[in-house]
C-alpha atoms as a PDB file:
ATOM      1  CA  UNK A   1     -30.857 -16.512  28.787  1.00  0.00           C
ATOM      2  CA  UNK A   2     -34.645 -15.777  28.149  1.00  0.00           C
ATOM      3  CA  UNK A   3     -35.437 -13.706  25.360  1.00  0.00           C
ATOM      4  CA  UNK A   4     -38.763 -11.796  25.337  1.00  0.00           C
ATOM      5  CA  UNK A   5     -41.272 -11.050  22.762  1.00  0.00           C
ATOM      6  CA  UNK A   6     -41.162  -7.213  21.259  1.00  0.00           C
ATOM      7  CA  UNK A   7     -44.260  -6.157  20.061  1.00  0.00           C
ATOM      8  CA  UNK A   8     -43.922  -5.890  16.040  1.00  0.00           C
ATOM      9  CA  UNK A   9     -42.963  -2.852  14.038  1.00  0.00           C
ATOM     10  CA  UNK A  10     -46.739  -1.584  12.440  1.00  0.00           C
ATOM     11  CA  UNK A  11     -46.243  -0.830   8.279  1.00  0.00           C
ATOM     12  CA  UNK A  12     -48.848   2.012   7.595  1.00  0.00           C
ATOM     13  CA  UNK A  13     -51.307   1.222   4.856  1.00  0.00           C
ATOM     14  CA  UNK A  14     -50.445   3.642   1.713  1.00  0.00           C
ATOM     15  CA  UNK A  15     -52.652   3.608  -2.004  1.00  0.00           C
ATOM     16  CA  UNK A  16     -49.601   3.309  -3.485  1.00  0.00           C
ATOM     17  CA  UNK A  17     -45.748   2.646  -2.772  1.00  0.00           C
ATOM     18  CA  UNK A  18     -43.213   5.293  -2.432  1.00  0.00           C
ATOM     19  CA  UNK A  19     -40.635   6.050  -5.447  1.00  0.00           C
ATOM     20  CA  UNK A  20     -37.245   6.889  -5.038  1.00  0.00           C
ATOM     21  CA  UNK A  21     -33.967   4.778  -4.175  1.00  0.00           C
ATOM     22  CA  UNK A  22     -34.289   5.456  -0.229  1.00  0.00           C
ATOM     23  CA  UNK A  23     -36.256   2.542  -0.127  1.00  0.00           C
ATOM     24  CA  UNK A  24     -36.342  -1.321  -0.738  1.00  0.00           C
ATOM     25  CA  UNK A  25     -39.938  -3.389  -1.680  1.00  0.00           C
ATOM     26  CA  UNK A  26     -40.935  -6.851  -0.782  1.00  0.00           C
ATOM     27  CA  UNK A  27     -43.615  -9.028  -1.490  1.00  0.00           C
ATOM     28  CA  UNK A  28     -46.999  -8.436   0.929  1.00  0.00           C
ATOM     29  CA  UNK A  29     -47.297 -11.980   1.922  1.00  0.00           C
ATOM     30  CA  UNK A  30     -50.948 -13.274   3.312  1.00  0.00           C
ATOM     31  CA  UNK A  31     -50.303 -15.179   6.403  1.00  0.00           C
ATOM     32  CA  UNK A  32     -49.505 -14.875   9.891  1.00  0.00           C
ATOM     33  CA  UNK A  33     -47.220 -12.237  11.445  1.00  0.00           C
ATOM     34  CA  UNK A  34     -44.990 -14.483  13.700  1.00  0.00           C
ATOM     35  CA  UNK A  35     -41.710 -13.167  15.877  1.00  0.00           C
ATOM     36  CA  UNK A  36     -39.443 -16.459  16.136  1.00  0.00           C
ATOM     37  CA  UNK A  37     -37.317 -16.708  19.708  1.00  0.00           C
ATOM     38  CA  UNK A  38     -34.449 -18.890  19.678  1.00  0.00           C
ATOM     39  CA  UNK A  39     -32.382 -19.057  22.889  1.00  0.00           C
ATOM     40  CA  UNK A  40     -31.094 -21.424  26.238  1.00  0.00           C
ATOM     41  CA  UNK A  41     -34.550 -22.368  26.336  1.00  0.00           C
ATOM     42  CA  UNK A  42     -35.169 -23.590  22.732  1.00  0.00           C
ATOM     43  CA  UNK A  43     -37.335 -22.129  19.763  1.00  0.00           C
ATOM     44  CA  UNK A  44     -40.503 -20.466  20.452  1.00  0.00           C
ATOM     45  CA  UNK A  45     -43.531 -18.973  17.841  1.00  0.00           C
ATOM     46  CA  UNK A  46     -45.317 -16.122  19.233  1.00  0.00           C
ATOM     47  CA  UNK A  47     -48.614 -13.948  17.347  1.00  0.00           C
ATOM     48  CA  UNK A  48     -47.883 -10.553  16.102  1.00  0.00           C
ATOM     49  CA  UNK A  49     -49.875 -10.225  19.885  1.00  0.00           C
ATOM     50  CA  UNK A  50     -47.319 -11.776  21.686  1.00  0.00           C
ATOM     51  CA  UNK A  51     -49.223 -15.536  21.965  1.00  0.00           C
ATOM     52  CA  UNK A  52     -47.274 -18.163  22.556  1.00  0.00           C
ATOM     53  CA  UNK A  53     -48.437 -20.490  19.562  1.00  0.00           C
ATOM     54  CA  UNK A  54     -44.975 -22.880  19.633  1.00  0.00           C
ATOM     55  CA  UNK A  55     -46.888 -25.782  19.858  1.00  0.00           C
ATOM     56  CA  UNK A  56     -49.225 -25.185  16.661  1.00  0.00           C
ATOM     57  CA  UNK A  57     -45.314 -24.835  14.613  1.00  0.00           C
ATOM     58  CA  UNK A  58     -43.362 -27.973  15.675  1.00  0.00           C
ATOM     59  CA  UNK A  59     -42.247 -28.651  12.135  1.00  0.00           C
ATOM     60  CA  UNK A  60     -41.078 -25.264  12.137  1.00  0.00           C
ATOM     61  CA  UNK A  61     -39.406 -25.329  15.011  1.00  0.00           C
ATOM     62  CA  UNK A  62     -37.100 -27.850  13.976  1.00  0.00           C
ATOM     63  CA  UNK A  63     -35.801 -25.928  11.257  1.00  0.00           C
ATOM     64  CA  UNK A  64     -34.867 -23.292  13.381  1.00  0.00           C
ATOM     65  CA  UNK A  65     -31.549 -25.377  14.639  1.00  0.00           C
ATOM     66  CA  UNK A  66     -30.527 -24.619  10.744  1.00  0.00           C
ATOM     67  CA  UNK A  67     -29.735 -20.988  11.271  1.00  0.00           C
ATOM     68  CA  UNK A  68     -27.228 -21.651  13.042  1.00  0.00           C
ATOM     69  CA  UNK A  69     -27.793 -19.147  16.055  1.00  0.00           C
ATOM     70  CA  UNK A  70     -27.408 -19.542  19.651  1.00  0.00           C
ATOM     71  CA  UNK A  71     -30.081 -16.441  20.459  1.00  0.00           C
ATOM     72  CA  UNK A  72     -31.994 -14.546  17.610  1.00  0.00           C
ATOM     73  CA  UNK A  73     -35.089 -12.756  17.698  1.00  0.00           C
ATOM     74  CA  UNK A  74     -36.870 -13.130  13.757  1.00  0.00           C
ATOM     75  CA  UNK A  75     -39.497 -11.009  12.353  1.00  0.00           C
ATOM     76  CA  UNK A  76     -41.059 -13.210   9.348  1.00  0.00           C
ATOM     77  CA  UNK A  77     -44.678 -14.216   7.970  1.00  0.00           C
ATOM     78  CA  UNK A  78     -45.624 -17.544   8.623  1.00  0.00           C
ATOM     79  CA  UNK A  79     -48.021 -18.961   4.989  1.00  0.00           C
ATOM     80  CA  UNK A  80     -48.941 -21.845   2.925  1.00  0.00           C
ATOM     81  CA  UNK A  81     -48.679 -21.694  -0.507  1.00  0.00           C
ATOM     82  CA  UNK A  82     -51.777 -22.493  -2.732  1.00  0.00           C
ATOM     83  CA  UNK A  83     -51.597 -24.597  -5.577  1.00  0.00           C
ATOM     84  CA  UNK A  84     -50.318 -21.206  -8.334  1.00  0.00           C
ATOM     85  CA  UNK A  85     -48.056 -20.483  -5.683  1.00  0.00           C
ATOM     86  CA  UNK A  86     -49.300 -17.901  -4.100  1.00  0.00           C
ATOM     87  CA  UNK A  87     -49.891 -17.484   0.073  1.00  0.00           C
ATOM     88  CA  UNK A  88     -53.017 -18.270   0.857  1.00  0.00           C
ATOM     89  CA  UNK A  89     -54.353 -17.531   3.926  1.00  0.00           C
ATOM     90  CA  UNK A  90     -58.003 -19.536   3.168  1.00  0.00           C
ATOM     91  CA  UNK A  91     -55.485 -22.660   3.160  1.00  0.00           C
ATOM     92  CA  UNK A  92     -53.218 -21.615   6.530  1.00  0.00           C
ATOM     93  CA  UNK A  93     -55.380 -22.449   9.008  1.00  0.00           C
ATOM     94  CA  UNK A  94     -56.588 -25.754   7.621  1.00  0.00           C
ATOM     95  CA  UNK A  95     -52.588 -26.052   7.754  1.00  0.00           C
ATOM     96  CA  UNK A  96     -52.017 -25.697  11.264  1.00  0.00           C
ATOM     97  CA  UNK A  97     -54.197 -28.460  12.050  1.00  0.00           C
ATOM     98  CA  UNK A  98     -53.735 -30.681   9.415  1.00  0.00           C
ATOM     99  CA  UNK A  99     -50.738 -30.030   6.583  1.00  0.00           C
ATOM    100  CA  UNK A 100     -47.480 -29.008   9.030  1.00  0.00           C
ATOM    101  CA  UNK A 101     -45.244 -30.053   6.608  1.00  0.00           C
ATOM    102  CA  UNK A 102     -47.125 -27.581   4.424  1.00  0.00           C
ATOM    103  CA  UNK A 103     -46.218 -23.933   6.108  1.00  0.00           C
ATOM    104  CA  UNK A 104     -42.971 -21.811   5.296  1.00  0.00           C
ATOM    105  CA  UNK A 105     -41.663 -19.163   7.604  1.00  0.00           C
ATOM    106  CA  UNK A 106     -40.486 -16.182   5.604  1.00  0.00           C
ATOM    107  CA  UNK A 107     -38.522 -13.924   7.367  1.00  0.00           C
ATOM    108  CA  UNK A 108     -38.001 -10.238   6.545  1.00  0.00           C
ATOM    109  CA  UNK A 109     -35.496  -8.819   9.617  1.00  0.00           C
ATOM    110  CA  UNK A 110     -33.633  -9.677  12.812  1.00  0.00           C
ATOM    111  CA  UNK A 111     -33.879  -7.854  15.571  1.00  0.00           C
ATOM    112  CA  UNK A 112     -31.262 -10.037  18.159  1.00  0.00           C
ATOM    113  CA  UNK A 113     -28.246 -12.251  17.273  1.00  0.00           C
ATOM    114  CA  UNK A 114     -26.147 -13.861  19.744  1.00  0.00           C
ATOM    115  CA  UNK A 115     -26.419 -11.477  22.595  1.00  0.00           C
ATOM    116  CA  UNK A 116     -26.959  -8.337  20.606  1.00  0.00           C
ATOM    117  CA  UNK A 117     -29.689  -6.266  19.536  1.00  0.00           C
ATOM    118  CA  UNK A 118     -29.657  -4.980  16.783  1.00  0.00           C
ATOM    119  CA  UNK A 119     -33.163  -2.877  16.164  1.00  0.00           C
ATOM    120  CA  UNK A 120     -30.633   0.256  16.300  1.00  0.00           C
ATOM    121  CA  UNK A 121     -28.350  -0.589  12.860  1.00  0.00           C
ATOM    122  CA  UNK A 122     -29.856   0.139   9.677  1.00  0.00           C
ATOM    123  CA  UNK A 123     -32.187  -1.930   7.603  1.00  0.00           C
ATOM    124  CA  UNK A 124     -30.293  -2.945   5.066  1.00  0.00           C
ATOM    125  CA  UNK A 125     -27.434  -4.515   7.221  1.00  0.00           C
ATOM    126  CA  UNK A 126     -30.225  -6.248   9.677  1.00  0.00           C
ATOM    127  CA  UNK A 127     -31.282  -7.884   6.684  1.00  0.00           C
ATOM    128  CA  UNK A 128     -28.038  -8.717   4.862  1.00  0.00           C
ATOM    129  CA  UNK A 129     -27.021 -10.340   8.333  1.00  0.00           C
ATOM    130  CA  UNK A 130     -30.692 -12.400   8.241  1.00  0.00           C
ATOM    131  CA  UNK A 131     -29.955 -13.363   4.979  1.00  0.00           C
ATOM    132  CA  UNK A 132     -26.216 -14.964   5.613  1.00  0.00           C
ATOM    133  CA  UNK A 133     -27.761 -16.803   8.221  1.00  0.00           C
ATOM    134  CA  UNK A 134     -30.982 -18.670   5.910  1.00  0.00           C
ATOM    135  CA  UNK A 135     -29.909 -21.235   3.602  1.00  0.00           C
ATOM    136  CA  UNK A 136     -32.260 -21.524   0.013  1.00  0.00           C
ATOM    137  CA  UNK A 137     -34.689 -24.186  -0.237  1.00  0.00           C
ATOM    138  CA  UNK A 138     -35.822 -24.898   3.457  1.00  0.00           C
ATOM    139  CA  UNK A 139     -39.237 -24.117   5.246  1.00  0.00           C
ATOM    140  CA  UNK A 140     -37.307 -20.888   6.425  1.00  0.00           C
ATOM    141  CA  UNK A 141     -37.240 -19.141   3.575  1.00  0.00           C
ATOM    142  CA  UNK A 142     -35.595 -14.881   3.614  1.00  0.00           C
ATOM    143  CA  UNK A 143     -37.894 -12.811   2.300  1.00  0.00           C
ATOM    144  CA  UNK A 144     -36.175 -10.689  -0.867  1.00  0.00           C
ATOM    145  CA  UNK A 145     -36.192  -7.772  -2.162  1.00  0.00           C
ATOM    146  CA  UNK A 146     -38.504  -6.894  -5.019  1.00  0.00           C
ATOM    147  CA  UNK A 147     -36.427  -5.681  -8.496  1.00  0.00           C
ATOM    148  CA  UNK A 148     -37.115  -2.080  -9.948  1.00  0.00           C
ATOM    149  CA  UNK A 149     -38.758   0.731  -9.804  1.00  0.00           C
ATOM    150  CA  UNK A 150     -41.996   0.464  -6.914  1.00  0.00           C
ATOM    151  CA  UNK A 151     -45.013   1.397  -9.564  1.00  0.00           C
ATOM    152  CA  UNK A 152     -43.674  -1.491 -11.965  1.00  0.00           C
ATOM    153  CA  UNK A 153     -43.406  -3.711  -9.380  1.00  0.00           C
ATOM    154  CA  UNK A 154     -46.569  -2.680  -7.610  1.00  0.00           C
ATOM    155  CA  UNK A 155     -48.411  -3.692 -11.019  1.00  0.00           C
ATOM    156  CA  UNK A 156     -47.037  -6.782 -11.705  1.00  0.00           C
ATOM    157  CA  UNK A 157     -47.452  -8.001  -7.859  1.00  0.00           C
ATOM    158  CA  UNK A 158     -51.259  -6.835  -8.709  1.00  0.00           C
ATOM    159  CA  UNK A 159     -51.454  -8.774 -11.746  1.00  0.00           C
ATOM    160  CA  UNK A 160     -49.939 -11.962 -10.471  1.00  0.00           C
ATOM    161  CA  UNK A 161     -52.675 -11.934  -7.505  1.00  0.00           C
ATOM    162  CA  UNK A 162     -50.450 -11.380  -4.516  1.00  0.00           C
ATOM    163  CA  UNK A 163     -51.573  -9.405  -2.022  1.00  0.00           C
ATOM    164  CA  UNK A 164     -49.718  -5.888  -2.091  1.00  0.00           C
ATOM    165  CA  UNK A 165     -46.172  -5.466  -1.593  1.00  0.00           C
ATOM    166  CA  UNK A 166     -44.372  -3.733   1.399  1.00  0.00           C
ATOM    167  CA  UNK A 167     -41.968  -0.719   0.962  1.00  0.00           C
ATOM    168  CA  UNK A 168     -39.473  -0.341   3.780  1.00  0.00           C
ATOM    169  CA  UNK A 169     -36.633   2.637   4.120  1.00  0.00           C
ATOM    170  CA  UNK A 170     -33.157   1.454   3.419  1.00  0.00           C
ATOM    171  CA  UNK A 171     -31.778   3.467   6.789  1.00  0.00           C
ATOM    172  CA  UNK A 172     -34.643   2.680   8.586  1.00  0.00           C
ATOM    173  CA  UNK A 173     -33.721   1.216  13.123  1.00  0.00           C
ATOM    174  CA  UNK A 174     -36.570  -1.069  13.977  1.00  0.00           C
ATOM    175  CA  UNK A 175     -39.196   0.530  16.128  1.00  0.00           C
ATOM    176  CA  UNK A 176     -42.194  -1.176  17.837  1.00  0.00           C
ATOM    177  CA  UNK A 177     -45.310  -0.360  17.113  1.00  0.00           C
ATOM    178  CA  UNK A 178     -47.177   1.772  13.895  1.00  0.00           C
ATOM    179  CA  UNK A 179     -44.515   3.147  11.451  1.00  0.00           C
ATOM    180  CA  UNK A 180     -44.359   5.384   8.159  1.00  0.00           C
ATOM    181  CA  UNK A 181     -40.819   3.809   8.024  1.00  0.00           C
ATOM    182  CA  UNK A 182     -42.742   0.647   6.349  1.00  0.00           C
ATOM    183  CA  UNK A 183     -45.315   1.651   3.888  1.00  0.00           C
ATOM    184  CA  UNK A 184     -48.257  -1.404   3.321  1.00  0.00           C
ATOM    185  CA  UNK A 185     -49.654  -0.618  -0.648  1.00  0.00           C
ATOM    186  CA  UNK A 186     -52.358  -3.379  -0.896  1.00  0.00           C
ATOM    187  CA  UNK A 187     -54.077  -4.636  -4.205  1.00  0.00           C
ATOM    188  CA  UNK A 188     -57.506  -4.743  -4.742  1.00  0.00           C
ATOM    189  CA  UNK A 189     -59.954  -7.772  -5.876  1.00  0.00           C
ATOM    190  CA  UNK A 190     -63.369  -7.611  -7.103  1.00  0.00           C
ATOM    191  CA  UNK A 191     -65.683 -10.835  -6.093  1.00  0.00           C
ATOM    192  CA  UNK A 192     -69.423 -11.549  -5.340  1.00  0.00           C
ATOM    193  CA  UNK A 193     -71.254 -11.645  -2.223  1.00  0.00           C
ATOM    194  CA  UNK A 194     -74.947 -11.333  -1.304  1.00  0.00           C
ATOM    195  CA  UNK A 195     -76.584  -8.473  -0.517  1.00  0.00           C
ATOM    196  CA  UNK A 196     -78.522  -9.069   2.894  1.00  0.00           C
ATOM    197  CA  UNK A 197     -79.540  -5.042   3.269  1.00  0.00           C
ATOM    198  CA  UNK A 198     -78.884  -1.288   3.432  1.00  0.00           C
ATOM    199  CA  UNK A 199     -78.129   1.475   5.597  1.00  0.00           C
ATOM    200  CA  UNK A 200     -79.189   4.713   5.466  1.00  0.00           C
ATOM    201  CA  UNK A 201     -79.213   7.438   7.774  1.00  0.00           C
ATOM    202  CA  UNK A 202     -79.752  11.136   6.400  1.00  0.00           C
ATOM    203  CA  UNK A 203     -76.492  13.244   6.489  1.00  0.00           C
ATOM    204  CA  UNK A 204     -74.420   9.832   5.786  1.00  0.00           C
ATOM    205  CA  UNK A 205     -72.969   7.509   3.101  1.00  0.00           C
ATOM    206  CA  UNK A 206     -75.211   4.494   1.941  1.00  0.00           C
ATOM    207  CA  UNK A 207     -74.052   1.207   2.653  1.00  0.00           C
ATOM    208  CA  UNK A 208     -74.899  -2.440   1.491  1.00  0.00           C
ATOM    209  CA  UNK A 209     -74.225  -5.227   3.866  1.00  0.00           C
ATOM    210  CA  UNK A 210     -72.946  -7.746   2.501  1.00  0.00           C
ATOM    211  CA  UNK A 211     -72.342 -11.913   2.959  1.00  0.00           C
ATOM    212  CA  UNK A 212     -70.982 -14.762   1.739  1.00  0.00           C
ATOM    213  CA  UNK A 213     -72.709 -16.695  -0.743  1.00  0.00           C
ATOM    214  CA  UNK A 214     -74.651 -19.940   0.048  1.00  0.00           C
ATOM    215  CA  UNK A 215     -74.162 -19.008   3.872  1.00  0.00           C
ATOM    216  CA  UNK A 216     -75.706 -15.784   4.511  1.00  0.00           C
ATOM    217  CA  UNK A 217     -72.270 -15.130   6.826  1.00  0.00           C
ATOM    218  CA  UNK A 218     -71.870 -11.351   7.433  1.00  0.00           C
ATOM    219  CA  UNK A 219     -68.417 -10.368   5.868  1.00  0.00           C
ATOM    220  CA  UNK A 220     -68.620  -6.416   5.991  1.00  0.00           C
ATOM    221  CA  UNK A 221     -70.067  -3.652   4.390  1.00  0.00           C
ATOM    222  CA  UNK A 222     -69.553  -1.772   1.043  1.00  0.00           C
ATOM    223  CA  UNK A 223     -69.830   1.451   0.353  1.00  0.00           C
ATOM    224  CA  UNK A 224     -72.442   2.324  -2.404  1.00  0.00           C
ATOM    225  CA  UNK A 225     -70.840   4.049  -4.842  1.00  0.00           C
ATOM    226  CA  UNK A 226     -73.230   3.133  -8.087  1.00  0.00           C
ATOM    227  CA  UNK A 227     -74.559   6.444 -10.359  1.00  0.00           C
ATOM    228  CA  UNK A 228     -78.413   7.052  -9.743  1.00  0.00           C
ATOM    229  CA  UNK A 229     -79.632   5.385 -11.983  1.00  0.00           C
ATOM    230  CA  UNK A 230     -78.002   2.286 -10.665  1.00  0.00           C
ATOM    231  CA  UNK A 231     -78.769   3.495  -7.093  1.00  0.00           C
ATOM    232  CA  UNK A 232     -82.320   3.910  -7.900  1.00  0.00           C
ATOM    233  CA  UNK A 233     -82.594   0.595  -9.286  1.00  0.00           C
ATOM    234  CA  UNK A 234     -80.918  -0.683  -6.555  1.00  0.00           C
ATOM    235  CA  UNK A 235     -83.462   1.113  -3.812  1.00  0.00           C
ATOM    236  CA  UNK A 236     -86.543  -0.208  -5.786  1.00  0.00           C
ATOM    237  CA  UNK A 237     -85.509  -4.024  -6.117  1.00  0.00           C
ATOM    238  CA  UNK A 238     -84.658  -3.285  -1.548  1.00  0.00           C
ATOM    239  CA  UNK A 239     -88.208  -1.996  -1.253  1.00  0.00           C
ATOM    240  CA  UNK A 240     -89.552  -5.511  -3.417  1.00  0.00           C
ATOM    241  CA  UNK A 241     -87.611  -7.847  -1.469  1.00  0.00           C
ATOM    242  CA  UNK A 242     -87.573  -6.169   1.891  1.00  0.00           C
ATOM    243  CA  UNK A 243     -86.846  -8.805   4.335  1.00  0.00           C
ATOM    244  CA  UNK A 244     -86.188  -9.504   8.135  1.00  0.00           C
ATOM    245  CA  UNK A 245     -82.897  -8.928   9.402  1.00  0.00           C
ATOM    246  CA  UNK A 246     -80.744 -12.159  10.296  1.00  0.00           C
ATOM    247  CA  UNK A 247     -80.562 -13.761  13.461  1.00  0.00           C
ATOM    248  CA  UNK A 248     -78.220 -11.271  15.612  1.00  0.00           C
ATOM    249  CA  UNK A 249     -77.931  -8.458  13.576  1.00  0.00           C
ATOM    250  CA  UNK A 250     -80.761  -5.592  14.338  1.00  0.00           C
ATOM    251  CA  UNK A 251     -79.348  -2.851  13.268  1.00  0.00           C
ATOM    252  CA  UNK A 252     -81.199   0.745  13.252  1.00  0.00           C
ATOM    253  CA  UNK A 253     -81.680   2.554   9.793  1.00  0.00           C
ATOM    254  CA  UNK A 254     -81.040  -0.918   7.417  1.00  0.00           C
ATOM    255  CA  UNK A 255     -83.702  -1.580   4.829  1.00  0.00           C
ATOM    256  CA  UNK A 256     -82.451  -6.142   5.275  1.00  0.00           C
ATOM    257  CA  UNK A 257     -83.899  -8.385   2.279  1.00  0.00           C
ATOM    258  CA  UNK A 258     -84.680 -11.657   1.082  1.00  0.00           C
ATOM    259  CA  UNK A 259     -82.186 -13.756  -0.603  1.00  0.00           C
ATOM    260  CA  UNK A 260     -81.244 -13.128  -3.906  1.00  0.00           C
ATOM    261  CA  UNK A 261     -79.451 -10.265  -4.589  1.00  0.00           C
ATOM    262  CA  UNK A 262     -75.853 -10.273  -5.520  1.00  0.00           C
ATOM    263  CA  UNK A 263     -73.142  -7.138  -5.315  1.00  0.00           C
ATOM    264  CA  UNK A 264     -69.711  -6.921  -7.375  1.00  0.00           C
ATOM    265  CA  UNK A 265     -67.838  -5.909  -4.364  1.00  0.00           C
ATOM    266  CA  UNK A 266     -64.244  -4.336  -5.209  1.00  0.00           C
ATOM    267  CA  UNK A 267     -62.169  -4.699  -1.455  1.00  0.00           C
ATOM    268  CA  UNK A 268     -58.506  -4.898   0.004  1.00  0.00           C
ATOM    269  CA  UNK A 269     -57.182  -7.906  -1.340  1.00  0.00           C
ATOM    270  CA  UNK A 270     -56.194 -10.663   1.571  1.00  0.00           C
ATOM    271  CA  UNK A 271     -58.418  -9.849   4.418  1.00  0.00           C
ATOM    272  CA  UNK A 272     -60.515 -11.821   6.515  1.00  0.00           C
ATOM    273  CA  UNK A 273     -63.274  -9.008   6.532  1.00  0.00           C
ATOM    274  CA  UNK A 274     -64.172  -6.548   3.545  1.00  0.00           C
ATOM    275  CA  UNK A 275     -61.960  -3.509   3.696  1.00  0.00           C
ATOM    276  CA  UNK A 276     -61.734  -0.001   1.848  1.00  0.00           C
ATOM    277  CA  UNK A 277     -64.892  -2.054  -0.081  1.00  0.00           C
ATOM    278  CA  UNK A 278     -67.353  -0.264  -2.690  1.00  0.00           C
ATOM    279  CA  UNK A 279     -70.432  -1.613  -4.212  1.00  0.00           C
ATOM    280  CA  UNK A 280     -69.850  -1.610  -8.063  1.00  0.00           C
ATOM    281  CA  UNK A 281     -72.793  -3.500  -9.466  1.00  0.00           C
ATOM    282  CA  UNK A 282     -75.672  -5.821  -8.608  1.00  0.00           C
ATOM    283  CA  UNK A 283     -78.142  -8.225 -10.007  1.00  0.00           C
ATOM    284  CA  UNK A 284     -80.514 -10.778  -9.390  1.00  0.00           C
ATOM    285  CA  UNK A 285     -79.767 -14.662  -9.250  1.00  0.00           C
ATOM    286  CA  UNK A 286     -81.381 -16.552 -11.260  1.00  0.00           C
ATOM    287  CA  UNK A 287     -83.731 -18.817  -8.954  1.00  0.00           C
ATOM    288  CA  UNK A 288     -84.121 -15.804  -6.077  1.00  0.00           C
ATOM    289  CA  UNK A 289     -87.224 -15.357  -4.604  1.00  0.00           C
END
């Protein structure tokens, strides 16, 4: 029997992880959410949106034979590790095309096994089954539960430089789509970006349009949360450095600036574009126009 892709359960983003004994906590890996399907037709790997990426993950498909399942649907994340041993989204795309042997599939849930739909079982029971199938040390790994109290775990996750953590209700069933039975708490980073311009409209919060340094590639916007003195200084610099819109970025109510202003931005870690971002400070780059 050929098994069909099941839309994944999507965790809800929260500021802090939930406390109490009703939850398990895992590392939130910085990779591609993926679904591994094993059946009579072999092994296939799908993206979170149901696209068949089997051809991109040839080496991982071979590893699936070691799970010993006649048929299975496994939920997980495909990652690559950096020199610090942390999952690195930036390196993942390169590894998919050039370094297949560096890819890992981190499995954290199982929805189907040998003809049985497991989605109505409690999460803890599903994870016990999944853990028993995976031998340590391979390219398919089990996402272990993090021991300890949620607040302390989150602090350690942040200090280690990880993207965040996912908390899951122990007794929850698996249901596709957004869910509050799984909660993700993400850590923040502070990085420097180049200021492209400032968007100001009456009655609305002002925000800065930020770009990758050196390339001026737009990466997103950040709310301007500076104090009054710093805000006034920013407006002055923006007026002094008035410039033109980058190609393809004409936007109303935006004051564009010439290169040379660098902003320190606090933002959610592990995102391709700026999310939940705020401008913390800014400076003029030496040698800026």
